[in-house]
Amino acid sequence: MIGNDIVDLAQSRLQSKWSRKGLIEKLFTTEEQYFIKKHYNPEIMVWLLWTMKEAAYKIYNRQTKIREFSPKKLICDLNSLSDIHAFGTVFCLENIYYTKSIISSENIHSIATNNLENLNHVIEVEKKDIIKDNHGIPYLQTSTMTLKEVSISNHGRFEKVVTYK
């Protein structure tokens, strides 16, 4: 299964007051708050963790059909972090999701899968031939009329549609 999320950093600066009193505590676990506090650029860490949670939530929603986003139920851990990439895991109840994030000066894009090996098989596709089931979950209708998992995310100037090769 696959999920993804993207944050347009310019748009988030206009719309979000991530540093307002109490917001970080409301959205992030104690350990995640520590990551934010200790990072040289707390804004980047906030959006990195947020996109990881959102990408993992899209898989959780696909699995359970439960539409309840409780950010603190999605617990992020960072396995590897550089200025341009991050690899991590997100835990939600008994589920583990594996994430890969790309960090740029314009956006942060995170992809999540429920199988570590699948991270190597994610591709971007055009947003066409997308249908949604009765739960609002998107699928890509292929030329052979089969349905393929797809995840769609957009924010500000950016949109990403991902699936597996």
N, C-alpha and C. Protein backbone atom coordinates (compact mmCIF):
# COMPACT_ATOMS: atom_id res chain seq x y z
N MET A 1 0.85 -1.18 0.00
CA MET A 1 0.00 0.00 0.00
C MET A 1 0.89 1.24 0.00
N ILE A 2 0.32 2.33 -0.47
CA ILE A 2 1.11 3.54 -0.69
C ILE A 2 0.35 4.78 -0.24
N GLY A 3 1.10 5.75 0.26
CA GLY A 3 0.55 7.06 0.61
C GLY A 3 1.62 8.11 0.34
N ASN A 4 1.20 9.34 0.13
CA ASN A 4 2.18 10.41 -0.04
C ASN A 4 1.58 11.73 0.41
N ASP A 5 2.45 12.67 0.73
CA ASP A 5 2.02 14.00 1.11
C ASP A 5 3.09 14.99 0.70
N ILE A 6 2.65 16.17 0.30
CA ILE A 6 3.58 17.23 -0.08
C ILE A 6 3.16 18.53 0.60
N VAL A 7 4.15 19.31 1.02
CA VAL A 7 3.91 20.63 1.60
C VAL A 7 4.70 21.64 0.78
N ASP A 8 3.98 22.64 0.28
CA ASP A 8 4.58 23.79 -0.40
C ASP A 8 5.05 24.73 0.72
N LEU A 9 6.34 24.88 0.87
CA LEU A 9 6.87 25.67 1.99
C LEU A 9 6.46 27.15 1.91
N ALA A 10 6.41 27.71 0.71
CA ALA A 10 5.98 29.11 0.57
C ALA A 10 4.52 29.25 1.00
N GLN A 11 3.68 28.33 0.58
CA GLN A 11 2.27 28.36 0.94
C GLN A 11 2.08 28.17 2.44
N SER A 12 2.85 27.25 3.02
CA SER A 12 2.71 27.00 4.45
C SER A 12 3.12 28.23 5.27
N ARG A 13 4.08 28.99 4.77
CA ARG A 13 4.48 30.21 5.47
C ARG A 13 3.38 31.26 5.46
N LEU A 14 2.58 31.25 4.41
CA LEU A 14 1.46 32.20 4.32
C LEU A 14 0.26 31.76 5.14
N GLN A 15 0.01 30.44 5.20
CA GLN A 15 -1.23 29.94 5.79
C GLN A 15 -1.09 29.39 7.20
N SER A 16 0.09 28.92 7.56
CA SER A 16 0.21 28.19 8.83
C SER A 16 1.04 28.97 9.83
N LYS A 17 0.60 28.91 11.03
CA LYS A 17 1.36 29.48 12.15
C LYS A 17 1.83 28.32 13.02
N TRP A 18 2.72 27.49 12.45
CA TRP A 18 3.15 26.27 13.12
C TRP A 18 3.80 26.54 14.47
N SER A 19 4.35 27.74 14.65
CA SER A 19 5.05 28.03 15.90
C SER A 19 4.14 28.64 16.97
N ARG A 20 2.84 28.75 16.67
CA ARG A 20 1.95 29.34 17.68
C ARG A 20 1.86 28.44 18.91
N LYS A 21 1.63 29.07 20.02
CA LYS A 21 1.62 28.38 21.32
C LYS A 21 0.66 27.20 21.32
N GLY A 22 1.18 26.04 21.71
CA GLY A 22 0.37 24.84 21.90
C GLY A 22 0.20 23.96 20.68
N LEU A 23 0.49 24.46 19.49
CA LEU A 23 0.24 23.65 18.30
C LEU A 23 1.19 22.45 18.20
N ILE A 24 2.45 22.67 18.44
CA ILE A 24 3.42 21.57 18.36
C ILE A 24 3.06 20.47 19.37
N GLU A 25 2.69 20.87 20.55
CA GLU A 25 2.31 19.90 21.59
C GLU A 25 1.05 19.13 21.21
N LYS A 26 0.16 19.76 20.48
CA LYS A 26 -1.09 19.14 20.07
C LYS A 26 -0.88 18.10 18.97
N LEU A 27 0.08 18.34 18.09
CA LEU A 27 0.26 17.51 16.90
C LEU A 27 1.35 16.45 17.01
N PHE A 28 2.34 16.69 17.88
CA PHE A 28 3.53 15.85 17.88
C PHE A 28 3.80 15.24 19.25
N THR A 29 4.35 14.02 19.23
CA THR A 29 4.71 13.34 20.47
C THR A 29 5.89 14.06 21.12
N THR A 30 6.20 13.69 22.33
CA THR A 30 7.32 14.29 23.05
C THR A 30 8.63 14.10 22.28
N GLU A 31 8.85 12.91 21.75
CA GLU A 31 10.08 12.66 20.99
C GLU A 31 10.12 13.49 19.71
N GLU A 32 8.99 13.59 19.03
CA GLU A 32 8.93 14.41 17.81
C GLU A 32 9.17 15.88 18.14
N GLN A 33 8.65 16.34 19.27
CA GLN A 33 8.89 17.72 19.70
C GLN A 33 10.38 17.95 19.94
N TYR A 34 11.06 16.93 20.45
CA TYR A 34 12.50 17.02 20.66
C TYR A 34 13.22 17.15 19.31
N PHE A 35 12.81 16.34 18.31
CA PHE A 35 13.40 16.46 16.97
C PHE A 35 13.26 17.89 16.45
N ILE A 36 12.08 18.46 16.62
CA ILE A 36 11.81 19.83 16.14
C ILE A 36 12.69 20.83 16.86
N LYS A 37 12.73 20.71 18.17
CA LYS A 37 13.50 21.67 18.98
C LYS A 37 14.99 21.62 18.67
N LYS A 38 15.52 20.44 18.43
CA LYS A 38 16.96 20.28 18.23
C LYS A 38 17.42 20.49 16.79
N HIS A 39 16.49 20.50 15.84
CA HIS A 39 16.88 20.66 14.44
C HIS A 39 17.31 22.10 14.17
N TYR A 40 18.32 22.29 13.33
CA TYR A 40 18.80 23.64 13.03
C TYR A 40 17.74 24.48 12.32
N ASN A 41 16.76 23.84 11.68
CA ASN A 41 15.66 24.54 11.04
C ASN A 41 14.35 23.88 11.48
N PRO A 42 13.80 24.34 12.61
CA PRO A 42 12.58 23.70 13.15
C PRO A 42 11.42 23.66 12.16
N GLU A 43 11.28 24.68 11.32
CA GLU A 43 10.19 24.69 10.34
C GLU A 43 10.28 23.48 9.41
N ILE A 44 11.46 23.17 8.93
CA ILE A 44 11.65 22.02 8.05
C ILE A 44 11.28 20.73 8.78
N MET A 45 11.70 20.60 10.02
CA MET A 45 11.40 19.39 10.78
C MET A 45 9.90 19.25 11.03
N VAL A 46 9.21 20.35 11.31
CA VAL A 46 7.75 20.30 11.49
C VAL A 46 7.10 19.72 10.24
N TRP A 47 7.45 20.24 9.08
CA TRP A 47 6.79 19.80 7.85
C TRP A 47 7.26 18.42 7.41
N LEU A 48 8.49 18.06 7.73
CA LEU A 48 8.95 16.70 7.45
C LEU A 48 8.11 15.70 8.24
N LEU A 49 8.01 15.91 9.54
CA LEU A 49 7.23 14.99 10.37
C LEU A 49 5.76 15.00 9.97
N TRP A 50 5.24 16.17 9.64
CA TRP A 50 3.84 16.27 9.23
C TRP A 50 3.58 15.46 7.96
N THR A 51 4.45 15.60 6.95
CA THR A 51 4.23 14.87 5.71
C THR A 51 4.38 13.36 5.91
N MET A 52 5.28 12.96 6.80
CA MET A 52 5.41 11.54 7.12
C MET A 52 4.11 11.01 7.71
N LYS A 53 3.55 11.76 8.66
CA LYS A 53 2.29 11.34 9.29
C LYS A 53 1.15 11.28 8.27
N GLU A 54 1.04 12.29 7.44
CA GLU A 54 -0.03 12.33 6.44
C GLU A 54 0.09 11.18 5.44
N ALA A 55 1.31 10.91 4.98
CA ALA A 55 1.51 9.82 4.01
C ALA A 55 1.13 8.48 4.64
N ALA A 56 1.55 8.26 5.88
CA ALA A 56 1.23 7.02 6.58
C ALA A 56 -0.28 6.92 6.84
N TYR A 57 -0.89 8.04 7.19
CA TYR A 57 -2.33 8.04 7.44
C TYR A 57 -3.12 7.60 6.20
N LYS A 58 -2.65 7.98 5.03
CA LYS A 58 -3.36 7.59 3.80
C LYS A 58 -3.38 6.07 3.64
N ILE A 59 -2.30 5.41 4.05
CA ILE A 59 -2.30 3.94 4.02
C ILE A 59 -3.23 3.39 5.09
N TYR A 60 -3.12 3.93 6.29
CA TYR A 60 -3.97 3.48 7.39
C TYR A 60 -5.45 3.61 7.00
N ASN A 61 -5.81 4.73 6.40
CA ASN A 61 -7.20 4.94 5.97
C ASN A 61 -7.59 3.93 4.91
N ARG A 62 -6.69 3.63 3.98
CA ARG A 62 -6.97 2.65 2.93
C ARG A 62 -7.17 1.26 3.56
N GLN A 63 -6.37 0.94 4.56
CA GLN A 63 -6.46 -0.37 5.21
C GLN A 63 -7.73 -0.52 6.03
N THR A 64 -8.05 0.50 6.80
CA THR A 64 -9.12 0.38 7.79
C THR A 64 -10.44 1.03 7.39
N LYS A 65 -10.38 1.93 6.44
CA LYS A 65 -11.54 2.75 6.02
C LYS A 65 -11.98 3.70 7.14
N ILE A 66 -11.13 3.89 8.14
CA ILE A 66 -11.42 4.81 9.24
C ILE A 66 -10.89 6.19 8.87
N ARG A 67 -11.76 7.19 8.89
CA ARG A 67 -11.36 8.56 8.55
C ARG A 67 -11.28 9.38 9.83
N GLU A 68 -10.25 9.11 10.60
CA GLU A 68 -10.00 9.85 11.83
C GLU A 68 -8.52 10.15 11.86
N PHE A 69 -8.19 11.42 11.68
CA PHE A 69 -6.77 11.79 11.69
C PHE A 69 -6.42 12.31 13.07
N SER A 70 -5.71 11.49 13.83
CA SER A 70 -5.23 11.85 15.16
C SER A 70 -3.71 11.85 15.10
N PRO A 71 -3.10 13.00 14.85
CA PRO A 71 -1.66 13.05 14.59
C PRO A 71 -0.79 12.37 15.63
N LYS A 72 -1.17 12.42 16.90
CA LYS A 72 -0.33 11.80 17.92
C LYS A 72 -0.41 10.27 17.93
N LYS A 73 -1.41 9.71 17.23
CA LYS A 73 -1.48 8.25 17.08
C LYS A 73 -0.48 7.75 16.04
N LEU A 74 -0.01 8.66 15.21
CA LEU A 74 0.99 8.35 14.19
C LEU A 74 2.34 8.83 14.73
N ILE A 75 3.19 7.89 15.07
CA ILE A 75 4.44 8.21 15.77
C ILE A 75 5.62 8.05 14.82
N CYS A 76 6.32 9.14 14.57
CA CYS A 76 7.44 9.15 13.62
C CYS A 76 8.76 8.84 14.31
N ASP A 77 9.59 8.12 13.58
CA ASP A 77 10.98 7.91 13.98
C ASP A 77 11.84 8.14 12.74
N LEU A 78 12.94 8.82 12.91
CA LEU A 78 13.84 9.10 11.80
C LEU A 78 15.01 8.14 11.84
N ASN A 79 15.21 7.41 10.76
CA ASN A 79 16.33 6.47 10.67
C ASN A 79 17.55 7.12 10.04
N SER A 80 17.31 8.08 9.14
CA SER A 80 18.39 8.75 8.42
C SER A 80 17.88 10.12 7.99
N LEU A 81 18.72 11.15 8.17
CA LEU A 81 18.32 12.51 7.84
C LEU A 81 19.49 13.28 7.28
N SER A 82 19.28 13.91 6.12
CA SER A 82 20.26 14.84 5.57
C SER A 82 19.49 16.10 5.17
N ASP A 83 20.17 17.04 4.54
CA ASP A 83 19.49 18.26 4.12
C ASP A 83 18.52 18.04 2.97
N ILE A 84 18.66 16.91 2.25
CA ILE A 84 17.81 16.69 1.08
C ILE A 84 16.97 15.41 1.13
N HIS A 85 17.26 14.52 2.07
CA HIS A 85 16.53 13.25 2.17
C HIS A 85 16.28 12.89 3.63
N ALA A 86 15.25 12.11 3.83
CA ALA A 86 15.02 11.51 5.14
C ALA A 86 14.38 10.15 4.92
N PHE A 87 14.76 9.20 5.75
CA PHE A 87 14.14 7.88 5.76
C PHE A 87 13.67 7.65 7.19
N GLY A 88 12.47 7.12 7.32
CA GLY A 88 11.95 6.90 8.66
C GLY A 88 10.87 5.85 8.69
N THR A 89 10.29 5.74 9.87
CA THR A 89 9.15 4.85 10.07
C THR A 89 8.07 5.62 10.82
N VAL A 90 6.85 5.22 10.56
CA VAL A 90 5.71 5.78 11.28
C VAL A 90 4.94 4.60 11.85
N PHE A 91 4.68 4.66 13.14
CA PHE A 91 3.95 3.61 13.83
C PHE A 91 2.54 4.12 14.12
N CYS A 92 1.55 3.29 13.83
CA CYS A 92 0.17 3.63 14.15
C CYS A 92 -0.50 2.35 14.65
N LEU A 93 -0.76 2.35 15.95
CA LEU A 93 -1.29 1.16 16.61
C LEU A 93 -0.35 -0.01 16.31
N GLU A 94 -0.82 -1.09 15.68
CA GLU A 94 0.06 -2.24 15.42
C GLU A 94 0.71 -2.17 14.04
N ASN A 95 0.50 -1.09 13.32
CA ASN A 95 1.00 -0.95 11.95
C ASN A 95 2.32 -0.20 11.90
N ILE A 96 3.18 -0.59 10.96
CA ILE A 96 4.45 0.09 10.71
C ILE A 96 4.46 0.52 9.24
N TYR A 97 4.78 1.79 9.01
CA TYR A 97 4.87 2.33 7.67
C TYR A 97 6.28 2.87 7.48
N TYR A 98 6.83 2.66 6.30
CA TYR A 98 8.19 3.07 5.98
C TYR A 98 8.12 4.30 5.09
N THR A 99 8.95 5.31 5.39
CA THR A 99 8.86 6.56 4.65
C THR A 99 10.19 6.96 4.02
N LYS A 100 10.04 7.65 2.91
CA LYS A 100 11.16 8.27 2.21
C LYS A 100 10.71 9.68 1.90
N SER A 101 11.52 10.66 2.26
CA SER A 101 11.15 12.06 2.05
C SER A 101 12.23 12.78 1.26
N ILE A 102 11.79 13.68 0.41
CA ILE A 102 12.68 14.54 -0.34
C ILE A 102 12.44 15.97 0.14
N ILE A 103 13.53 16.62 0.53
CA ILE A 103 13.46 17.96 1.10
C ILE A 103 14.13 18.92 0.13
N SER A 104 13.40 19.96 -0.28
CA SER A 104 13.99 20.98 -1.14
C SER A 104 13.68 22.35 -0.55
N SER A 105 14.19 23.38 -1.18
CA SER A 105 13.92 24.74 -0.68
C SER A 105 12.47 25.14 -0.95
N GLU A 106 11.78 24.41 -1.83
CA GLU A 106 10.41 24.75 -2.18
C GLU A 106 9.35 23.86 -1.55
N ASN A 107 9.70 22.59 -1.31
CA ASN A 107 8.69 21.68 -0.76
C ASN A 107 9.33 20.51 -0.03
N ILE A 108 8.48 19.80 0.68
CA ILE A 108 8.85 18.53 1.30
C ILE A 108 7.83 17.51 0.83
N HIS A 109 8.33 16.42 0.28
CA HIS A 109 7.46 15.36 -0.24
C HIS A 109 7.83 14.05 0.43
N SER A 110 6.85 13.43 1.09
CA SER A 110 7.07 12.15 1.75
C SER A 110 6.19 11.08 1.12
N ILE A 111 6.79 9.91 0.97
CA ILE A 111 6.10 8.73 0.46
C ILE A 111 6.14 7.69 1.57
N ALA A 112 5.04 6.97 1.76
CA ALA A 112 4.99 5.90 2.75
C ALA A 112 4.50 4.62 2.10
N THR A 113 5.04 3.51 2.56
CA THR A 113 4.58 2.19 2.14
C THR A 113 4.47 1.32 3.38
N ASN A 114 3.74 0.23 3.26
CA ASN A 114 3.64 -0.68 4.40
C ASN A 114 4.64 -1.83 4.27
N ASN A 115 5.50 -1.75 3.27
CA ASN A 115 6.54 -2.76 3.06
C ASN A 115 7.80 -2.01 2.65
N LEU A 116 8.88 -2.19 3.38
CA LEU A 116 10.12 -1.46 3.13
C LEU A 116 10.61 -1.61 1.70
N GLU A 117 10.54 -2.81 1.16
CA GLU A 117 11.01 -3.06 -0.21
C GLU A 117 10.24 -2.22 -1.23
N ASN A 118 8.98 -1.95 -0.96
CA ASN A 118 8.16 -1.19 -1.92
C ASN A 118 8.62 0.25 -2.11
N LEU A 119 9.36 0.80 -1.16
CA LEU A 119 9.86 2.17 -1.32
C LEU A 119 10.72 2.31 -2.57
N ASN A 120 11.36 1.22 -2.98
CA ASN A 120 12.23 1.25 -4.16
C ASN A 120 11.45 1.14 -5.47
N HIS A 121 10.14 0.95 -5.40
CA HIS A 121 9.34 0.72 -6.60
C HIS A 121 8.28 1.79 -6.83
N VAL A 122 8.41 2.91 -6.14
CA VAL A 122 7.42 3.99 -6.27
C VAL A 122 7.77 4.85 -7.49
N ILE A 123 6.75 5.19 -8.26
CA ILE A 123 6.92 6.08 -9.40
C ILE A 123 5.84 7.15 -9.38
N GLU A 124 6.15 8.28 -10.02
CA GLU A 124 5.15 9.32 -10.21
C GLU A 124 4.42 9.07 -11.52
N VAL A 125 3.13 9.35 -11.52
CA VAL A 125 2.32 9.21 -12.73
C VAL A 125 1.48 10.46 -12.92
N GLU A 126 0.92 10.59 -14.11
CA GLU A 126 0.02 11.70 -14.40
C GLU A 126 -1.31 11.48 -13.69
N LYS A 127 -1.95 12.58 -13.38
CA LYS A 127 -3.26 12.49 -12.73
C LYS A 127 -4.35 12.36 -13.81
N LYS A 128 -4.45 11.15 -14.34
CA LYS A 128 -5.51 10.86 -15.30
C LYS A 128 -5.96 9.43 -15.06
N ASP A 129 -7.16 9.16 -15.46
CA ASP A 129 -7.75 7.83 -15.28
C ASP A 129 -7.82 7.44 -13.80
N ILE A 130 -8.07 8.41 -12.94
CA ILE A 130 -8.21 8.17 -11.51
C ILE A 130 -9.69 8.01 -11.20
N ILE A 131 -10.01 6.97 -10.45
CA ILE A 131 -11.37 6.79 -9.96
C ILE A 131 -11.29 6.61 -8.45
N LYS A 132 -12.37 6.89 -7.77
CA LYS A 132 -12.41 6.73 -6.32
C LYS A 132 -13.50 5.74 -5.94
N ASP A 133 -13.20 4.95 -4.90
CA ASP A 133 -14.22 4.02 -4.43
C ASP A 133 -15.21 4.76 -3.54
N ASN A 134 -16.16 4.03 -2.96
CA ASN A 134 -17.19 4.67 -2.15
C ASN A 134 -16.66 5.24 -0.83
N HIS A 135 -15.38 4.98 -0.51
CA HIS A 135 -14.75 5.57 0.68
C HIS A 135 -13.88 6.76 0.29
N GLY A 136 -13.86 7.12 -0.99
CA GLY A 136 -13.06 8.24 -1.47
C GLY A 136 -11.60 7.89 -1.71
N ILE A 137 -11.28 6.60 -1.71
CA ILE A 137 -9.90 6.15 -1.90
C ILE A 137 -9.60 6.06 -3.40
N PRO A 138 -8.52 6.72 -3.85
CA PRO A 138 -8.24 6.77 -5.29
C PRO A 138 -7.54 5.52 -5.82
N TYR A 139 -7.85 5.22 -7.08
CA TYR A 139 -7.20 4.14 -7.82
C TYR A 139 -6.92 4.64 -9.23
N LEU A 140 -5.88 4.10 -9.82
CA LEU A 140 -5.55 4.37 -11.21
C LEU A 140 -6.13 3.25 -12.06
N GLN A 141 -6.95 3.61 -13.03
CA GLN A 141 -7.51 2.61 -13.93
C GLN A 141 -6.54 2.44 -15.09
N THR A 142 -5.98 1.25 -15.23
CA THR A 142 -4.97 1.00 -16.26
C THR A 142 -5.64 0.69 -17.60
N SER A 143 -4.82 0.59 -18.63
CA SER A 143 -5.33 0.30 -19.97
C SER A 143 -6.00 -1.06 -20.06
N THR A 144 -5.64 -1.97 -19.14
CA THR A 144 -6.28 -3.29 -19.12
C THR A 144 -7.52 -3.30 -18.23
N MET A 145 -7.93 -2.09 -17.80
CA MET A 145 -9.13 -1.90 -16.97
C MET A 145 -8.98 -2.46 -15.56
N THR A 146 -7.76 -2.75 -15.14
CA THR A 146 -7.54 -3.14 -13.75
C THR A 146 -7.30 -1.88 -12.93
N LEU A 147 -7.51 -2.00 -11.64
CA LEU A 147 -7.30 -0.88 -10.74
C LEU A 147 -5.98 -1.04 -10.01
N LYS A 148 -5.24 0.05 -9.92
CA LYS A 148 -3.93 0.05 -9.29
C LYS A 148 -3.94 1.10 -8.18
N GLU A 149 -3.34 0.76 -7.05
CA GLU A 149 -3.26 1.72 -5.95
C GLU A 149 -2.56 2.98 -6.40
N VAL A 150 -3.07 4.12 -5.96
CA VAL A 150 -2.45 5.40 -6.25
C VAL A 150 -2.66 6.30 -5.04
N SER A 151 -1.75 7.22 -4.83
CA SER A 151 -1.90 8.21 -3.77
C SER A 151 -1.73 9.59 -4.38
N ILE A 152 -2.61 10.49 -4.03
CA ILE A 152 -2.61 11.84 -4.58
C ILE A 152 -2.43 12.83 -3.45
N SER A 153 -1.54 13.79 -3.67
CA SER A 153 -1.35 14.86 -2.69
C SER A 153 -1.10 16.16 -3.43
N ASN A 154 -1.68 17.23 -2.92
CA ASN A 154 -1.39 18.54 -3.49
C ASN A 154 -1.43 19.58 -2.39
N HIS A 155 -0.60 20.58 -2.57
CA HIS A 155 -0.56 21.70 -1.65
C HIS A 155 0.09 22.86 -2.39
N GLY A 156 -0.58 23.98 -2.40
CA GLY A 156 -0.02 25.15 -3.07
C GLY A 156 0.28 24.88 -4.53
N ARG A 157 1.54 25.08 -4.92
CA ARG A 157 1.96 24.95 -6.31
C ARG A 157 2.27 23.52 -6.74
N PHE A 158 2.17 22.56 -5.82
CA PHE A 158 2.67 21.22 -6.10
C PHE A 158 1.59 20.16 -5.99
N GLU A 159 1.71 19.17 -6.87
CA GLU A 159 0.85 18.00 -6.82
C GLU A 159 1.70 16.78 -7.15
N LYS A 160 1.50 15.71 -6.41
CA LYS A 160 2.20 14.46 -6.65
C LYS A 160 1.18 13.33 -6.68
N VAL A 161 1.30 12.49 -7.70
CA VAL A 161 0.47 11.31 -7.83
C VAL A 161 1.46 10.15 -7.95
N VAL A 162 1.41 9.21 -7.02
CA VAL A 162 2.38 8.12 -6.99
C VAL A 162 1.69 6.76 -6.96
N THR A 163 2.40 5.79 -7.50
CA THR A 163 1.95 4.41 -7.50
C THR A 163 3.21 3.54 -7.55
N TYR A 164 3.02 2.23 -7.76
CA TYR A 164 4.16 1.31 -7.89
C TYR A 164 4.42 1.00 -9.35
N LYS A 165 5.69 0.70 -9.67
CA LYS A 165 6.06 0.25 -11.02
C LYS A 165 5.37 -1.07 -11.27
